[in-house]
PDB file of N, CA and C in Angstrom:
ATOM      1  N   MET A   1      73.702 102.723  65.305  1.00  0.00           N
ATOM      2  CA  MET A   1      72.986 102.484  64.238  1.00  0.00           C
ATOM      3  C   MET A   1      73.752 103.378  63.051  1.00  0.00           C
ATOM      4  N   PHE A   2      74.110 104.722  63.233  1.00  0.00           N
ATOM      5  CA  PHE A   2      74.704 105.613  62.369  1.00  0.00           C
ATOM      6  C   PHE A   2      76.064 105.102  61.895  1.00  0.00           C
ATOM      7  N   LYS A   3      76.789 104.695  62.752  1.00  0.00           N
ATOM      8  CA  LYS A   3      78.269 104.076  62.643  1.00  0.00           C
ATOM      9  C   LYS A   3      78.061 102.793  61.761  1.00  0.00           C
ATOM     10  N   ASN A   4      77.008 101.909  61.954  1.00  0.00           N
ATOM     11  CA  ASN A   4      76.972 100.795  61.004  1.00  0.00           C
ATOM     12  C   ASN A   4      76.745 101.106  59.480  1.00  0.00           C
ATOM     13  N   VAL A   5      76.116 102.189  59.140  1.00  0.00           N
ATOM     14  CA  VAL A   5      75.832 102.838  58.000  1.00  0.00           C
ATOM     15  C   VAL A   5      77.182 103.417  57.370  1.00  0.00           C
ATOM     16  N   ILE A   6      77.841 104.300  58.250  1.00  0.00           N
ATOM     17  CA  ILE A   6      78.987 104.975  57.893  1.00  0.00           C
ATOM     18  C   ILE A   6      80.316 104.095  57.713  1.00  0.00           C
ATOM     19  N   ALA A   7      80.587 103.142  58.436  1.00  0.00           N
ATOM     20  CA  ALA A   7      81.813 102.457  58.477  1.00  0.00           C
ATOM     21  C   ALA A   7      81.996 101.806  57.057  1.00  0.00           C
ATOM     22  N   PRO A   8      81.041 101.163  56.492  1.00  0.00           N
ATOM     23  CA  PRO A   8      81.297 100.334  55.410  1.00  0.00           C
ATOM     24  C   PRO A   8      81.611 101.410  54.024  1.00  0.00           C
ATOM     25  N   VAL A   9      81.069 102.761  54.243  1.00  0.00           N
ATOM     26  CA  VAL A   9      81.456 103.641  53.121  1.00  0.00           C
ATOM     27  C   VAL A   9      82.783 104.055  53.254  1.00  0.00           C
ATOM     28  N   GLN A  10      83.310 104.266  54.617  1.00  0.00           N
ATOM     29  CA  GLN A  10      84.713 104.829  54.902  1.00  0.00           C
ATOM     30  C   GLN A  10      85.606 103.832  54.282  1.00  0.00           C
ATOM     31  N   ALA A  11      85.358 102.461  54.684  1.00  0.00           N
ATOM     32  CA  ALA A  11      86.141 101.432  54.384  1.00  0.00           C
ATOM     33  C   ALA A  11      86.412 101.302  52.984  1.00  0.00           C
ATOM     34  N   TRP A  12      85.298 101.448  52.133  1.00  0.00           N
ATOM     35  CA  TRP A  12      85.412 101.563  50.718  1.00  0.00           C
ATOM     36  C   TRP A  12      86.041 102.722  50.066  1.00  0.00           C
ATOM     37  N   LEU A  13      85.974 103.765  50.649  1.00  0.00           N
ATOM     38  CA  LEU A  13      86.751 105.022  50.231  1.00  0.00           C
ATOM     39  C   LEU A  13      88.194 104.887  50.568  1.00  0.00           C
ATOM     40  N   LEU A  14      88.541 104.114  51.801  1.00  0.00           N
ATOM     41  CA  LEU A  14      90.021 104.263  51.988  1.00  0.00           C
ATOM     42  C   LEU A  14      90.617 103.008  50.979  1.00  0.00           C
ATOM     43  N   SER A  15      89.688 102.063  50.696  1.00  0.00           N
ATOM     44  CA  SER A  15      90.182 100.914  49.759  1.00  0.00           C
ATOM     45  C   SER A  15      90.389 101.608  48.199  1.00  0.00           C
ATOM     46  N   GLN A  16      89.863 102.863  47.984  1.00  0.00           N
ATOM     47  CA  GLN A  16      89.909 103.495  46.670  1.00  0.00           C
ATOM     48  C   GLN A  16      91.064 104.547  46.825  1.00  0.00           C
ATOM     49  N   SER A  17      91.729 104.577  48.006  1.00  0.00           N
ATOM     50  CA  SER A  17      92.762 105.774  48.358  1.00  0.00           C
ATOM     51  C   SER A  17      92.118 107.038  48.117  1.00  0.00           C
ATOM     52  N   ARG A  18      91.165 107.214  48.993  1.00  0.00           N
ATOM     53  CA  ARG A  18      90.436 108.526  48.963  1.00  0.00           C
ATOM     54  C   ARG A  18      90.097 108.901  50.285  1.00  0.00           C
ATOM     55  N   CYS A  19      89.947 110.129  50.629  1.00  0.00           N
ATOM     56  CA  CYS A  19      89.788 110.819  51.907  1.00  0.00           C
ATOM     57  C   CYS A  19      88.404 110.251  52.370  1.00  0.00           C
ATOM     58  N   VAL A  20      88.174 109.915  53.709  1.00  0.00           N
ATOM     59  CA  VAL A  20      87.131 109.541  54.155  1.00  0.00           C
ATOM     60  C   VAL A  20      86.057 110.673  54.387  1.00  0.00           C
ATOM     61  N   GLY A  21      86.531 111.960  54.623  1.00  0.00           N
ATOM     62  CA  GLY A  21      85.797 113.112  54.751  1.00  0.00           C
ATOM     63  C   GLY A  21      85.398 113.860  53.555  1.00  0.00           C
ATOM     64  N   CYS A  22      86.160 114.029  52.694  1.00  0.00           N
ATOM     65  CA  CYS A  22      85.801 114.664  51.419  1.00  0.00           C
ATOM     66  C   CYS A  22      85.839 113.969  50.294  1.00  0.00           C
ATOM     67  N   GLY A  23      86.429 112.910  50.071  1.00  0.00           N
ATOM     68  CA  GLY A  23      86.644 112.007  48.846  1.00  0.00           C
ATOM     69  C   GLY A  23      87.785 112.476  47.881  1.00  0.00           C
ATOM     70  N   THR A  24      88.526 113.314  48.380  1.00  0.00           N
ATOM     71  CA  THR A  24      89.683 113.663  47.566  1.00  0.00           C
ATOM     72  C   THR A  24      90.654 112.540  47.414  1.00  0.00           C
ATOM     73  N   GLU A  25      91.466 112.415  46.405  1.00  0.00           N
ATOM     74  CA  GLU A  25      92.459 111.249  46.211  1.00  0.00           C
ATOM     75  C   GLU A  25      93.574 111.626  47.242  1.00  0.00           C
ATOM     76  N   LEU A  26      93.977 110.541  48.056  1.00  0.00           N
ATOM     77  CA  LEU A  26      95.157 110.859  49.008  1.00  0.00           C
ATOM     78  C   LEU A  26      96.455 110.951  48.245  1.00  0.00           C
ATOM     79  N   ASN A  27      96.633 110.451  47.144  1.00  0.00           N
ATOM     80  CA  ASN A  27      97.830 110.642  46.252  1.00  0.00           C
ATOM     81  C   ASN A  27      98.268 112.117  46.187  1.00  0.00           C
ATOM     82  N   LEU A  28      97.246 113.023  46.116  1.00  0.00           N
ATOM     83  CA  LEU A  28      97.208 114.611  46.023  1.00  0.00           C
ATOM     84  C   LEU A  28      97.521 115.300  47.172  1.00  0.00           C
ATOM     85  N   GLY A  29      97.503 114.496  48.402  1.00  0.00           N
ATOM     86  CA  GLY A  29      97.703 115.142  49.574  1.00  0.00           C
ATOM     87  C   GLY A  29      99.283 115.357  49.924  1.00  0.00           C
ATOM     88  N   LYS A  30      99.523 116.211  51.047  1.00  0.00           N
ATOM     89  CA  LYS A  30     100.841 116.424  51.424  1.00  0.00           C
ATOM     90  C   LYS A  30     101.298 115.261  52.308  1.00  0.00           C
ATOM     91  N   THR A  31     102.637 114.834  51.800  1.00  0.00           N
ATOM     92  CA  THR A  31     103.277 113.593  52.383  1.00  0.00           C
ATOM     93  C   THR A  31     104.216 114.118  53.228  1.00  0.00           C
ATOM     94  N   SER A  32     104.562 113.368  54.322  1.00  0.00           N
ATOM     95  CA  SER A  32     105.791 113.657  55.110  1.00  0.00           C
ATOM     96  C   SER A  32     106.074 112.218  55.878  1.00  0.00           C
ATOM     97  N   GLY A  33     106.911 111.466  55.129  1.00  0.00           N
ATOM     98  CA  GLY A  33     107.254 110.169  55.532  1.00  0.00           C
ATOM     99  C   GLY A  33     106.132 109.178  55.115  1.00  0.00           C
ATOM    100  N   GLU A  34     105.494 108.609  56.460  1.00  0.00           N
ATOM    101  CA  GLU A  34     104.358 107.694  56.131  1.00  0.00           C
ATOM    102  C   GLU A  34     103.297 108.589  56.069  1.00  0.00           C
ATOM    103  N   LYS A  35     103.148 109.655  56.736  1.00  0.00           N
ATOM    104  CA  LYS A  35     101.739 110.441  57.114  1.00  0.00           C
ATOM    105  C   LYS A  35     101.592 111.121  55.585  1.00  0.00           C
ATOM    106  N   VAL A  36     100.371 110.886  55.416  1.00  0.00           N
ATOM    107  CA  VAL A  36      99.560 111.796  54.502  1.00  0.00           C
ATOM    108  C   VAL A  36      98.602 112.853  54.886  1.00  0.00           C
ATOM    109  N   THR A  37      98.440 114.084  54.497  1.00  0.00           N
ATOM    110  CA  THR A  37      97.511 114.963  55.017  1.00  0.00           C
ATOM    111  C   THR A  37      96.820 115.301  53.841  1.00  0.00           C
ATOM    112  N   CYS A  38      95.186 115.075  53.934  1.00  0.00           N
ATOM    113  CA  CYS A  38      94.391 115.675  52.824  1.00  0.00           C
ATOM    114  C   CYS A  38      94.553 117.097  52.654  1.00  0.00           C
ATOM    115  N   LYS A  39      94.586 117.260  51.378  1.00  0.00           N
ATOM    116  CA  LYS A  39      94.634 118.803  51.097  1.00  0.00           C
ATOM    117  C   LYS A  39      93.504 119.688  51.097  1.00  0.00           C
ATOM    118  N   LYS A  40      92.237 119.037  51.097  1.00  0.00           N
ATOM    119  CA  LYS A  40      91.157 119.793  51.186  1.00  0.00           C
ATOM    120  C   LYS A  40      90.678 119.948  52.748  1.00  0.00           C
ATOM    121  N   CYS A  41      90.560 118.881  53.414  1.00  0.00           N
ATOM    122  CA  CYS A  41      90.021 118.776  54.797  1.00  0.00           C
ATOM    123  C   CYS A  41      90.973 118.701  55.780  1.00  0.00           C
ATOM    124  N   GLY A  42      92.167 118.222  55.463  1.00  0.00           N
ATOM    125  CA  GLY A  42      93.253 118.280  56.707  1.00  0.00           C
ATOM    126  C   GLY A  42      93.422 117.095  57.481  1.00  0.00           C
ATOM    127  N   ARG A  43      92.489 115.958  57.161  1.00  0.00           N
ATOM    128  CA  ARG A  43      92.546 114.649  57.777  1.00  0.00           C
ATOM    129  C   ARG A  43      93.849 113.983  57.553  1.00  0.00           C
ATOM    130  N   ILE A  44      94.345 113.359  58.713  1.00  0.00           N
ATOM    131  CA  ILE A  44      95.622 112.810  58.605  1.00  0.00           C
ATOM    132  C   ILE A  44      95.568 111.238  58.406  1.00  0.00           C
ATOM    133  N   PHE A  45      96.180 110.690  57.367  1.00  0.00           N
ATOM    134  CA  PHE A  45      96.287 109.243  57.091  1.00  0.00           C
ATOM    135  C   PHE A  45      97.655 108.566  57.256  1.00  0.00           C
ATOM    136  N   VAL A  46      97.734 107.472  57.441  1.00  0.00           N
ATOM    137  CA  VAL A  46      98.967 106.714  57.447  1.00  0.00           C
ATOM    138  C   VAL A  46      99.078 105.695  56.458  1.00  0.00           C
ATOM    139  N   LYS A  47     100.238 105.671  55.506  1.00  0.00           N
ATOM    140  CA  LYS A  47     100.327 104.723  54.367  1.00  0.00           C
ATOM    141  C   LYS A  47     101.007 103.676  55.054  1.00  0.00           C
ATOM    142  N   ASP A  48     100.508 102.406  54.730  1.00  0.00           N
ATOM    143  CA  ASP A  48     101.254 101.096  55.073  1.00  0.00           C
ATOM    144  C   ASP A  48     102.128 100.851  54.118  1.00  0.00           C
ATOM    145  N   THR A  49     103.473 100.686  54.593  1.00  0.00           N
ATOM    146  CA  THR A  49     104.638 100.454  53.559  1.00  0.00           C
ATOM    147  C   THR A  49     104.479  99.106  52.843  1.00  0.00           C
ATOM    148  N   THR A  50     103.924  98.050  53.493  1.00  0.00           N
ATOM    149  CA  THR A  50     104.033  96.911  52.761  1.00  0.00           C
ATOM    150  C   THR A  50     102.768  96.509  51.800  1.00  0.00           C
ATOM    151  N   SER A  51     101.760  97.067  52.147  1.00  0.00           N
ATOM    152  CA  SER A  51     100.447  96.769  51.475  1.00  0.00           C
ATOM    153  C   SER A  51     100.128  98.032  50.531  1.00  0.00           C
ATOM    154  N   GLY A  52     100.578  99.167  50.928  1.00  0.00           N
ATOM    155  CA  GLY A  52     100.471 100.250  50.170  1.00  0.00           C
ATOM    156  C   GLY A  52      99.040 100.947  50.404  1.00  0.00           C
ATOM    157  N   LYS A  53      98.336 100.434  51.323  1.00  0.00           N
ATOM    158  CA  LYS A  53      96.819 100.800  51.729  1.00  0.00           C
ATOM    159  C   LYS A  53      97.018 101.975  52.733  1.00  0.00           C
ATOM    160  N   TYR A  54      95.936 102.959  52.828  1.00  0.00           N
ATOM    161  CA  TYR A  54      95.937 104.014  53.934  1.00  0.00           C
ATOM    162  C   TYR A  54      94.939 103.491  55.025  1.00  0.00           C
ATOM    163  N   ARG A  55      95.181 104.279  56.211  1.00  0.00           N
ATOM    164  CA  ARG A  55      94.204 104.206  57.273  1.00  0.00           C
ATOM    165  C   ARG A  55      94.351 105.398  58.004  1.00  0.00           C
ATOM    166  N   ARG A  56      93.217 105.737  58.768  1.00  0.00           N
ATOM    167  CA  ARG A  56      93.241 106.927  59.619  1.00  0.00           C
ATOM    168  C   ARG A  56      94.477 106.979  60.724  1.00  0.00           C
ATOM    169  N   ALA A  57      95.117 107.873  61.022  1.00  0.00           N
ATOM    170  CA  ALA A  57      96.159 108.079  61.944  1.00  0.00           C
ATOM    171  C   ALA A  57      95.632 107.982  63.473  1.00  0.00           C
ATOM    172  N   LEU A  58      96.221 107.440  64.022  1.00  0.00           N
ATOM    173  CA  LEU A  58      95.870 107.580  65.546  1.00  0.00           C
ATOM    174  C   LEU A  58      96.347 108.717  66.283  1.00  0.00           C
ATOM    175  N   PHE A  59      95.765 108.923  67.414  1.00  0.00           N
ATOM    176  CA  PHE A  59      96.185 110.240  68.226  1.00  0.00           C
ATOM    177  C   PHE A  59      97.640 110.241  68.338  1.00  0.00           C
ATOM    178  N   GLU A  60      98.239 108.998  68.765  1.00  0.00           N
ATOM    179  CA  GLU A  60      99.657 108.797  69.126  1.00  0.00           C
ATOM    180  C   GLU A  60     100.535 109.234  67.925  1.00  0.00           C
ATOM    181  N   GLU A  61     100.033 109.020  66.722  1.00  0.00           N
ATOM    182  CA  GLU A  61     100.696 109.099  65.382  1.00  0.00           C
ATOM    183  C   GLU A  61     100.741 110.441  65.006  1.00  0.00           C
ATOM    184  N   VAL A  62      99.985 111.420  65.526  1.00  0.00           N
ATOM    185  CA  VAL A  62      99.763 112.723  64.985  1.00  0.00           C
ATOM    186  C   VAL A  62     100.744 113.500  65.722  1.00  0.00           C
TER     187      VAL A  62
END
């Protein structure tokens, strides 16, 4: 039940290019290639090169 409440909020934050943990803009994060690390909480995201949208990085990608 908790995941049903949180998932839409996280999807909305990612559509706004914001971190799902702290809400900081991902454009301000530390970038290395396609990977973006949030400057506040350290979560790792991957930027899709074709669409320009972000998603959470998988364990294999970290």
